[in-house]
Amino acid sequence: LVENRKRGLDAGLADLCSVVTEAPPEVVGSPHMLLDFLVDRMLSGYEQDDDVTVLAIHVPLATKSD
């Protein structure tokens, strides 16, 4: 998702960070909507003749234990 023939890994990661900051709150609050948003935005303008891999993980907030 972040690297292809026209965009290197560093540039792709920077683009990903930028795209995430543009996501509306309702998208950020839904993992499925966020993934769809990121894929749509990150692949926009690129011809897809290759596979795309997306790895998504959710890290829940740590709870304080007494």
Protein backbone atom coordinates (compact mmCIF):
# COMPACT_ATOMS: atom_id res chain seq x y z
CA LEU A 1 0.00 0.00 0.00
CA VAL A 2 2.84 2.41 0.75
CA GLU A 3 5.38 1.29 -1.83
CA ASN A 4 5.12 0.73 -5.55
CA ARG A 5 7.19 1.24 -8.71
CA LYS A 6 6.61 5.00 -8.62
CA ARG A 7 6.69 5.65 -4.86
CA GLY A 8 9.44 4.49 -2.53
CA LEU A 9 8.83 3.19 0.98
CA ASP A 10 9.82 6.39 2.80
CA ALA A 11 7.64 8.57 0.58
CA GLY A 12 4.76 6.11 0.90
CA LEU A 13 4.94 6.07 4.67
CA ALA A 14 4.98 9.87 4.71
CA ASP A 15 1.96 9.89 2.37
CA LEU A 16 0.15 7.40 4.62
CA CYS A 17 0.70 9.60 7.67
CA SER A 18 -0.58 12.60 5.75
CA VAL A 19 -3.68 10.76 4.50
CA VAL A 20 -4.54 9.56 8.02
CA THR A 21 -4.56 13.14 9.30
CA GLU A 22 -7.09 14.05 6.57
CA ALA A 23 -9.55 11.32 7.59
CA PRO A 24 -12.80 12.61 9.10
CA PRO A 25 -13.53 11.65 12.74
CA GLU A 26 -16.26 9.18 11.79
CA VAL A 27 -13.78 7.36 9.56
CA VAL A 28 -11.04 7.31 12.19
CA GLY A 29 -13.50 5.82 14.69
CA SER A 30 -14.25 2.82 12.48
CA PRO A 31 -11.41 0.42 11.59
CA HIS A 32 -13.24 -0.84 8.48
CA MET A 33 -14.01 2.66 7.24
CA LEU A 34 -10.45 3.77 7.95
CA LEU A 35 -8.98 0.88 5.95
CA ASP A 36 -11.30 1.62 3.03
CA PHE A 37 -10.39 5.31 3.22
CA LEU A 38 -6.66 4.60 3.27
CA VAL A 39 -6.75 2.11 0.41
CA ASP A 40 -8.86 4.43 -1.75
CA ARG A 41 -6.65 7.45 -1.07
CA MET A 42 -3.29 5.68 -1.24
CA LEU A 43 -4.07 3.95 -4.55
CA SER A 44 -5.68 6.97 -6.20
CA GLY A 45 -3.80 7.87 -9.37
CA TYR A 46 -1.85 4.62 -9.54
CA GLU A 47 -2.58 1.96 -12.13
CA GLN A 48 -3.10 -1.31 -10.32
CA ASP A 49 -1.41 -4.12 -12.21
CA ASP A 50 0.06 -5.69 -9.11
CA ASP A 51 -1.22 -7.11 -5.85
CA VAL A 52 -1.81 -4.81 -2.89
CA THR A 53 -1.16 -5.94 0.65
CA VAL A 54 -2.58 -4.22 3.69
CA LEU A 55 -1.59 -5.19 7.21
CA ALA A 56 -3.74 -3.62 9.88
CA ILE A 57 -3.44 -4.12 13.61
CA HIS A 58 -5.50 -2.73 16.43
CA VAL A 59 -3.74 -2.05 19.71
CA PRO A 60 -6.27 -1.47 22.47
CA LEU A 61 -5.52 1.19 25.03
CA ALA A 62 -3.79 -0.13 28.08
CA THR A 63 -6.00 -0.35 31.14
CA LYS A 64 -4.67 0.67 34.48
CA SER A 65 -4.62 -2.18 36.96
CA ASP A 66 -4.44 -1.57 40.66
